[in-house]
Amino acid sequence: MDALPYGVIAALIGLCTGIVLGLAARLGEFCTLGAIESAAYGDDQRRLRQWGVVLGTAIFSTFLLADAGLIDLQATIYHSIQWNPLASIAGGLLFGYGMALAGNCGFGALARFGGGDLRSMVVVVVMAIAGFVTLNGPLAQLRITLFPQDISFVPQGIAHTLSSLTGLPPLAFATVIALGVAAWGLSYAPLRAAPRRVIWGVAAGLAITMAFWGTSALNDQTFGAVPVEGHSFTAPLGRSLLWLMMSSSGGMGFGVGSVAGVLAGAFIGSSIKGLFRWEACEDPRELGRQVSGAIFMGIGGIIAMGCSVGQGLSGVATLAYSGPVTLAAIYGGALFGLRRLIAGFQPD
């Protein structure tokens, strides 16, 4: 491993943990929009309550390793950039609405693409382009003006705030929150009756933590040259697209490996279940709706500094203020979009 460039090692960390997330999506049916849709319209909360297992696992394991000095939470974007509540809310709502139109978030689209869905490939590519247009392209200055991002010199998070007020370690508060979230998930009997979903929920939560652990170790070894990163699927989609086109000039890193890992894990999982098959869009209107949704997600994910996984899982795992606020906004935006698609805003 010493002979490998640090960027390649970071990509391998992203690849391995991303494979677990891809498997969780296909074998454990872990899906953001699916969780919201089935709970709101299908009278089935198993996918939604599975999030409790994922988050509880990710929060506890992340803070356990942070307490041991193995994860540097302050080095993550969730704690090193001053939280902008307006960006979390506006970006989250836009992302959630786009997620409903596209039929998947960035992570879900990668998982479906790994199962042979070519419509999801379009969503991934369009979202990648829209994200980079907002991050570094023509919309970048407007984004910075409307949603400024300033450097923070103190950890910004629920557990750290409570710790400073009480003198107790952040791990104590993280443990209570993690147990509460996990208990909420497991209190739903139909989820307890589906141990496969629970097991893959735990695996997905650990994958989030292992990403922070691996990149923290590299960050320490490289004196900050390799950033501490968690899984996210907005900007990394654009970075992966750029790497595919210009890999000879570098660009290999955690995000590229993460995207490849989810694709690989989804392919393996769909093949194991015998569900891999090529699918394409036969309705131009459907394709137009998915492209529009992908654009909204790309813009919203950059504004909020993360997607349903980037903020909803990785951000919440660090108990950053931005995580739960963005996740709630994504949920609200998705419900709004689903109502438009399903109910058409018709009065009862």
Protein backbone atom coordinates (compact mmCIF):
# COMPACT_ATOMS: atom_id res chain seq x y z
CA MET A 1 0.00 0.00 0.00
CA ASP A 2 2.94 2.36 0.63
CA ALA A 3 3.73 2.26 -3.10
CA LEU A 4 0.25 3.49 -4.06
CA PRO A 5 -0.49 7.22 -4.44
CA TYR A 6 -2.63 8.58 -1.63
CA GLY A 7 -5.38 9.47 -4.08
CA VAL A 8 -5.61 5.86 -5.17
CA ILE A 9 -5.74 4.67 -1.56
CA ALA A 10 -8.55 7.15 -0.88
CA ALA A 11 -10.37 5.84 -3.95
CA LEU A 12 -9.99 2.26 -2.68
CA ILE A 13 -11.55 3.29 0.63
CA GLY A 14 -14.43 4.83 -1.30
CA LEU A 15 -14.69 1.75 -3.51
CA CYS A 16 -14.87 -0.77 -0.66
CA THR A 17 -17.33 1.18 1.48
CA GLY A 18 -19.32 2.17 -1.61
CA ILE A 19 -19.74 -1.49 -2.55
CA VAL A 20 -21.38 -2.06 0.83
CA LEU A 21 -23.80 0.81 0.19
CA GLY A 22 -24.59 -0.54 -3.28
CA LEU A 23 -25.27 -3.98 -1.83
CA ALA A 24 -27.47 -2.44 0.87
CA ALA A 25 -29.50 -0.71 -1.83
CA ARG A 26 -30.09 -3.86 -3.87
CA LEU A 27 -30.11 -6.59 -1.22
CA GLY A 28 -31.41 -4.57 1.72
CA GLU A 29 -33.74 -2.33 -0.33
CA PHE A 30 -32.20 0.77 1.25
CA CYS A 31 -33.57 3.75 -0.68
CA THR A 32 -34.35 7.35 0.27
CA LEU A 33 -37.28 8.08 -2.04
CA GLY A 34 -38.61 4.54 -1.65
CA ALA A 35 -38.70 5.07 2.12
CA ILE A 36 -40.66 8.31 1.81
CA GLU A 37 -43.02 7.05 -0.88
CA SER A 38 -43.88 3.74 0.79
CA ALA A 39 -44.48 5.43 4.15
CA ALA A 40 -46.59 8.26 2.75
CA TYR A 41 -48.58 6.34 0.14
CA GLY A 42 -48.03 2.63 0.73
CA ASP A 43 -48.80 2.30 4.45
CA ASP A 44 -45.43 0.58 4.90
CA GLN A 45 -42.79 2.17 7.11
CA ARG A 46 -40.16 -0.56 6.90
CA ARG A 47 -37.86 1.41 4.62
CA LEU A 48 -38.36 4.60 6.61
CA ARG A 49 -37.69 2.88 9.93
CA GLN A 50 -34.64 1.22 8.38
CA TRP A 51 -33.17 4.72 8.28
CA GLY A 52 -33.30 4.66 12.09
CA VAL A 53 -31.05 1.60 12.11
CA VAL A 54 -28.66 3.13 9.58
CA LEU A 55 -28.43 6.46 11.37
CA GLY A 56 -28.17 4.96 14.84
CA THR A 57 -25.31 2.73 13.72
CA ALA A 58 -23.52 5.54 11.87
CA ILE A 59 -23.82 8.07 14.71
CA PHE A 60 -22.63 5.74 17.46
CA SER A 61 -19.76 4.17 15.53
CA THR A 62 -18.57 7.53 14.18
CA PHE A 63 -18.43 9.15 17.61
CA LEU A 64 -16.91 6.03 19.16
CA LEU A 65 -13.99 6.24 16.72
CA ALA A 66 -13.82 10.03 17.07
CA ASP A 67 -13.55 9.64 20.84
CA ALA A 68 -10.67 7.21 20.26
CA GLY A 69 -8.93 9.79 18.06
CA LEU A 70 -9.42 7.80 14.86
CA ILE A 71 -11.84 10.21 13.13
CA ASP A 72 -11.26 13.95 12.89
CA LEU A 73 -14.76 15.43 12.80
CA GLN A 74 -13.43 18.99 12.70
CA ALA A 75 -11.73 18.25 9.38
CA THR A 76 -15.00 17.31 7.65
CA ILE A 77 -16.91 19.91 5.66
CA TYR A 78 -19.82 19.49 8.06
CA HIS A 79 -17.80 21.02 10.91
CA SER A 80 -15.14 23.08 9.15
CA ILE A 81 -17.55 25.29 7.16
CA GLN A 82 -19.88 27.66 8.97
CA TRP A 83 -23.42 26.33 8.82
CA ASN A 84 -25.80 28.34 6.64
CA PRO A 85 -29.38 27.36 7.64
CA LEU A 86 -30.87 29.00 4.54
CA ALA A 87 -28.63 26.89 2.29
CA SER A 88 -29.64 23.71 4.09
CA ILE A 89 -33.35 24.50 3.78
CA ALA A 90 -33.37 25.89 0.23
CA GLY A 91 -30.95 23.29 -1.12
CA GLY A 92 -32.72 20.46 0.68
CA LEU A 93 -36.16 21.45 -0.60
CA LEU A 94 -34.86 21.77 -4.15
CA PHE A 95 -33.07 18.44 -3.93
CA GLY A 96 -36.10 16.65 -2.48
CA TYR A 97 -38.42 18.03 -5.14
CA GLY A 98 -35.99 16.99 -7.85
CA MET A 99 -35.67 13.56 -6.27
CA ALA A 100 -39.42 13.05 -6.61
CA LEU A 101 -39.41 14.16 -10.26
CA ALA A 102 -36.41 12.00 -11.15
CA GLY A 103 -37.72 8.98 -9.25
CA ASN A 104 -34.46 8.60 -7.29
CA CYS A 105 -31.72 10.53 -5.55
CA GLY A 106 -28.14 10.43 -6.83
CA PHE A 107 -27.34 7.37 -4.74
CA GLY A 108 -30.55 5.62 -5.79
CA ALA A 109 -29.92 6.43 -9.45
CA LEU A 110 -26.42 4.91 -9.20
CA ALA A 111 -27.90 1.79 -7.59
CA ARG A 112 -30.51 1.44 -10.31
CA PHE A 113 -27.94 2.11 -13.03
CA GLY A 114 -25.88 -0.71 -11.53
CA GLY A 115 -28.93 -2.91 -12.07
CA GLY A 116 -29.15 -2.04 -15.77
CA ASP A 117 -31.51 0.95 -15.74
CA LEU A 118 -30.27 3.27 -18.50
CA ARG A 119 -32.78 5.94 -17.48
CA SER A 120 -30.87 6.28 -14.24
CA MET A 121 -27.64 6.72 -16.19
CA VAL A 122 -29.18 9.84 -17.73
CA VAL A 123 -30.14 11.08 -14.25
CA VAL A 124 -26.58 10.50 -12.98
CA VAL A 125 -24.93 12.32 -15.90
CA VAL A 126 -27.32 15.29 -15.89
CA MET A 127 -27.08 15.62 -12.11
CA ALA A 128 -23.28 15.56 -12.33
CA ILE A 129 -23.25 18.35 -14.92
CA ALA A 130 -25.82 20.49 -13.07
CA GLY A 131 -23.87 20.06 -9.85
CA PHE A 132 -20.62 21.28 -11.36
CA VAL A 133 -22.37 24.15 -13.14
CA THR A 134 -23.42 25.26 -9.65
CA LEU A 135 -20.17 24.40 -7.89
CA ASN A 136 -17.55 25.79 -10.27
CA GLY A 137 -19.45 26.92 -13.38
CA PRO A 138 -21.68 29.83 -14.40
CA LEU A 139 -23.91 29.57 -11.32
CA ALA A 140 -21.03 29.42 -8.84
CA GLN A 141 -20.79 33.17 -8.12
CA LEU A 142 -24.56 33.46 -7.70
CA ARG A 143 -24.51 30.52 -5.26
CA ILE A 144 -21.69 32.07 -3.23
CA THR A 145 -23.50 35.42 -3.13
CA LEU A 146 -26.80 33.94 -2.02
CA PHE A 147 -25.40 31.21 0.22
CA PRO A 148 -21.95 32.26 1.50
CA GLN A 149 -19.69 29.60 2.99
CA ASP A 150 -17.29 30.79 5.68
CA ILE A 151 -14.62 28.81 7.48
CA SER A 152 -15.46 27.67 11.02
CA PHE A 153 -12.80 27.20 13.65
CA VAL A 154 -14.88 25.28 16.18
CA PRO A 155 -16.81 22.02 15.78
CA GLN A 156 -20.41 22.74 14.82
CA GLY A 157 -22.65 20.00 16.02
CA ILE A 158 -25.36 18.96 18.40
CA ALA A 159 -23.13 16.73 20.53
CA HIS A 160 -20.31 19.28 20.69
CA THR A 161 -22.67 22.07 21.73
CA LEU A 162 -24.19 19.96 24.50
CA SER A 163 -20.70 18.92 25.57
CA SER A 164 -19.56 22.54 25.91
CA LEU A 165 -22.65 23.34 27.99
CA THR A 166 -22.39 20.38 30.36
CA GLY A 167 -18.76 19.28 30.35
CA LEU A 168 -19.75 15.74 29.37
CA PRO A 169 -17.98 14.15 26.37
CA PRO A 170 -19.69 14.37 22.95
CA LEU A 171 -19.77 10.56 22.86
CA ALA A 172 -22.24 10.53 25.74
CA PHE A 173 -24.79 12.62 23.87
CA ALA A 174 -24.12 10.83 20.58
CA THR A 175 -24.80 7.49 22.27
CA VAL A 176 -28.14 8.67 23.65
CA ILE A 177 -29.18 10.08 20.27
CA ALA A 178 -28.02 6.96 18.41
CA LEU A 179 -29.90 4.64 20.76
CA GLY A 180 -33.04 6.76 20.47
CA VAL A 181 -32.95 6.80 16.67
CA ALA A 182 -32.21 3.06 16.45
CA ALA A 183 -34.97 2.29 18.98
CA TRP A 184 -37.43 4.31 16.89
CA GLY A 185 -36.52 2.23 13.86
CA LEU A 186 -36.66 -1.14 15.60
CA SER A 187 -39.90 -0.33 17.44
CA TYR A 188 -41.70 -1.03 14.16
CA ALA A 189 -42.61 -4.70 14.27
CA PRO A 190 -42.65 -5.28 10.48
CA LEU A 191 -39.02 -4.13 10.33
CA ARG A 192 -38.01 -6.48 13.15
CA ALA A 193 -39.68 -9.24 11.15
CA ALA A 194 -37.34 -8.48 8.24
CA PRO A 195 -33.85 -9.16 9.67
CA ARG A 196 -32.27 -8.82 6.22
CA ARG A 197 -33.22 -5.14 6.14
CA VAL A 198 -31.88 -4.63 9.67
CA ILE A 199 -28.56 -6.31 8.88
CA TRP A 200 -28.04 -4.27 5.73
CA GLY A 201 -29.05 -1.16 7.64
CA VAL A 202 -26.27 -1.81 10.13
CA ALA A 203 -23.85 -2.49 7.26
CA ALA A 204 -24.76 0.79 5.54
CA GLY A 205 -24.25 2.73 8.77
CA LEU A 206 -20.83 1.15 9.30
CA ALA A 207 -19.87 1.96 5.70
CA ILE A 208 -20.45 5.65 6.44
CA THR A 209 -18.21 5.46 9.50
CA MET A 210 -15.48 3.45 7.79
CA ALA A 211 -15.27 6.12 5.08
CA PHE A 212 -14.58 8.78 7.72
CA TRP A 213 -12.08 6.50 9.49
CA GLY A 214 -10.10 5.66 6.37
CA THR A 215 -9.90 9.21 5.05
CA SER A 216 -9.05 10.55 8.53
CA ALA A 217 -6.05 8.21 8.62
CA LEU A 218 -4.94 9.44 5.20
CA ASN A 219 -5.52 13.05 6.22
CA ASP A 220 -3.21 12.53 9.18
CA GLN A 221 -0.52 10.78 7.13
CA THR A 222 -0.55 13.44 4.40
CA PHE A 223 -0.69 16.43 6.80
CA GLY A 224 -4.09 17.45 5.43
CA ALA A 225 -3.42 16.89 1.74
CA VAL A 226 -6.15 14.23 1.55
CA PRO A 227 -9.46 15.58 2.92
CA VAL A 228 -11.60 13.76 5.46
CA GLU A 229 -14.65 12.71 3.46
CA GLY A 230 -17.87 10.82 3.85
CA HIS A 231 -20.09 9.39 1.16
CA SER A 232 -22.03 11.94 -0.86
CA PHE A 233 -23.42 11.79 -4.37
CA THR A 234 -23.66 15.25 -5.88
CA ALA A 235 -20.22 16.80 -6.42
CA PRO A 236 -18.55 13.33 -6.54
CA LEU A 237 -20.70 12.49 -9.57
CA GLY A 238 -19.19 15.47 -11.40
CA ARG A 239 -15.69 14.59 -10.23
CA SER A 240 -16.15 11.04 -11.47
CA LEU A 241 -17.32 12.30 -14.86
CA LEU A 242 -14.28 14.59 -15.09
CA TRP A 243 -11.97 11.74 -14.10
CA LEU A 244 -13.42 9.52 -16.83
CA MET A 245 -12.67 12.23 -19.39
CA MET A 246 -9.33 13.51 -18.06
CA SER A 247 -7.84 10.80 -15.83
CA SER A 248 -4.37 11.34 -17.28
CA SER A 249 -4.26 14.70 -15.46
CA GLY A 250 -5.17 13.18 -12.09
CA GLY A 251 -8.36 13.57 -10.10
CA MET A 252 -8.48 10.11 -8.52
CA GLY A 253 -9.87 10.32 -5.00
CA PHE A 254 -12.41 9.09 -2.50
CA GLY A 255 -15.44 10.42 -4.39
CA VAL A 256 -14.52 8.65 -7.62
CA GLY A 257 -14.02 5.39 -5.76
CA SER A 258 -17.29 5.86 -3.89
CA VAL A 259 -19.30 6.28 -7.09
CA ALA A 260 -17.62 3.24 -8.66
CA GLY A 261 -18.21 1.25 -5.49
CA VAL A 262 -21.95 1.87 -5.41
CA LEU A 263 -22.21 0.92 -9.08
CA ALA A 264 -20.24 -2.28 -8.47
CA GLY A 265 -22.17 -3.19 -5.34
CA ALA A 266 -25.49 -2.57 -7.06
CA PHE A 267 -24.43 -4.72 -10.01
CA ILE A 268 -23.36 -7.56 -7.71
CA GLY A 269 -26.52 -7.28 -5.63
CA SER A 270 -28.90 -7.20 -8.59
CA SER A 271 -27.05 -10.14 -10.15
CA ILE A 272 -27.34 -12.17 -6.93
CA LYS A 273 -31.10 -11.53 -6.86
CA GLY A 274 -31.42 -12.22 -10.58
CA LEU A 275 -32.82 -8.74 -11.18
CA PHE A 276 -30.20 -7.31 -13.51
CA ARG A 277 -31.82 -6.29 -16.78
CA TRP A 278 -31.42 -3.49 -19.27
CA GLU A 279 -34.19 -0.91 -19.13
CA ALA A 280 -34.77 2.23 -21.16
CA CYS A 281 -37.28 5.06 -21.24
CA GLU A 282 -40.07 4.74 -23.80
CA ASP A 283 -41.94 7.93 -22.85
CA PRO A 284 -40.25 11.25 -23.75
CA ARG A 285 -42.33 13.02 -21.09
CA GLU A 286 -40.99 10.67 -18.44
CA LEU A 287 -37.43 11.29 -19.60
CA GLY A 288 -38.02 15.05 -19.55
CA ARG A 289 -39.33 14.84 -15.99
CA GLN A 290 -36.31 12.81 -14.90
CA VAL A 291 -33.88 15.24 -16.53
CA SER A 292 -35.61 18.17 -14.82
CA GLY A 293 -35.42 16.37 -11.50
CA ALA A 294 -31.73 15.63 -12.00
CA ILE A 295 -31.04 19.32 -12.65
CA PHE A 296 -32.86 20.31 -9.46
CA MET A 297 -30.94 17.70 -7.49
CA GLY A 298 -27.58 18.79 -8.87
CA ILE A 299 -28.23 22.43 -7.97
CA GLY A 300 -29.86 21.69 -4.62
CA GLY A 301 -27.23 19.20 -3.53
CA ILE A 302 -24.42 21.72 -4.10
CA ILE A 303 -26.28 24.52 -2.30
CA ALA A 304 -26.94 22.27 0.71
CA MET A 305 -23.38 20.86 0.56
CA GLY A 306 -24.70 17.34 0.31
CA CYS A 307 -27.53 15.09 -0.81
CA SER A 308 -29.79 12.64 0.99
CA VAL A 309 -26.68 10.58 1.71
CA GLY A 310 -24.11 13.39 1.92
CA GLN A 311 -26.07 15.35 4.53
CA GLY A 312 -28.77 12.85 5.46
CA LEU A 313 -26.30 10.10 6.38
CA SER A 314 -22.74 11.43 6.50
CA GLY A 315 -23.74 14.82 7.92
CA VAL A 316 -26.11 13.35 10.49
CA ALA A 317 -23.47 10.75 11.46
CA THR A 318 -21.29 13.65 12.65
CA LEU A 319 -24.34 15.27 14.31
CA ALA A 320 -23.65 18.48 12.40
CA TYR A 321 -26.51 20.98 12.52
CA SER A 322 -26.76 20.86 8.75
CA GLY A 323 -27.49 17.12 8.63
CA PRO A 324 -30.95 16.81 10.21
CA VAL A 325 -32.12 20.18 8.86
CA THR A 326 -31.17 19.29 5.30
CA LEU A 327 -32.65 15.81 5.66
CA ALA A 328 -35.95 17.27 6.90
CA ALA A 329 -35.98 19.73 3.99
CA ILE A 330 -35.31 16.92 1.52
CA TYR A 331 -38.19 14.95 3.04
CA GLY A 332 -40.50 17.96 2.71
CA GLY A 333 -39.45 18.67 -0.86
CA ALA A 334 -39.92 15.03 -1.81
CA LEU A 335 -43.42 14.93 -0.29
CA PHE A 336 -44.33 18.08 -2.22
CA GLY A 337 -43.05 16.57 -5.46
CA LEU A 338 -44.74 13.22 -4.87
CA ARG A 339 -48.06 14.92 -4.18
CA ARG A 340 -47.77 16.81 -7.45
CA LEU A 341 -47.05 13.59 -9.33
CA ILE A 342 -49.57 11.35 -7.57
CA ALA A 343 -52.39 13.56 -6.34
CA GLY A 344 -52.01 16.49 -8.70
CA PHE A 345 -52.80 18.97 -5.91
CA GLN A 346 -56.48 18.20 -6.31
CA PRO A 347 -58.65 19.06 -3.25
CA ASP A 348 -59.93 16.11 -1.23
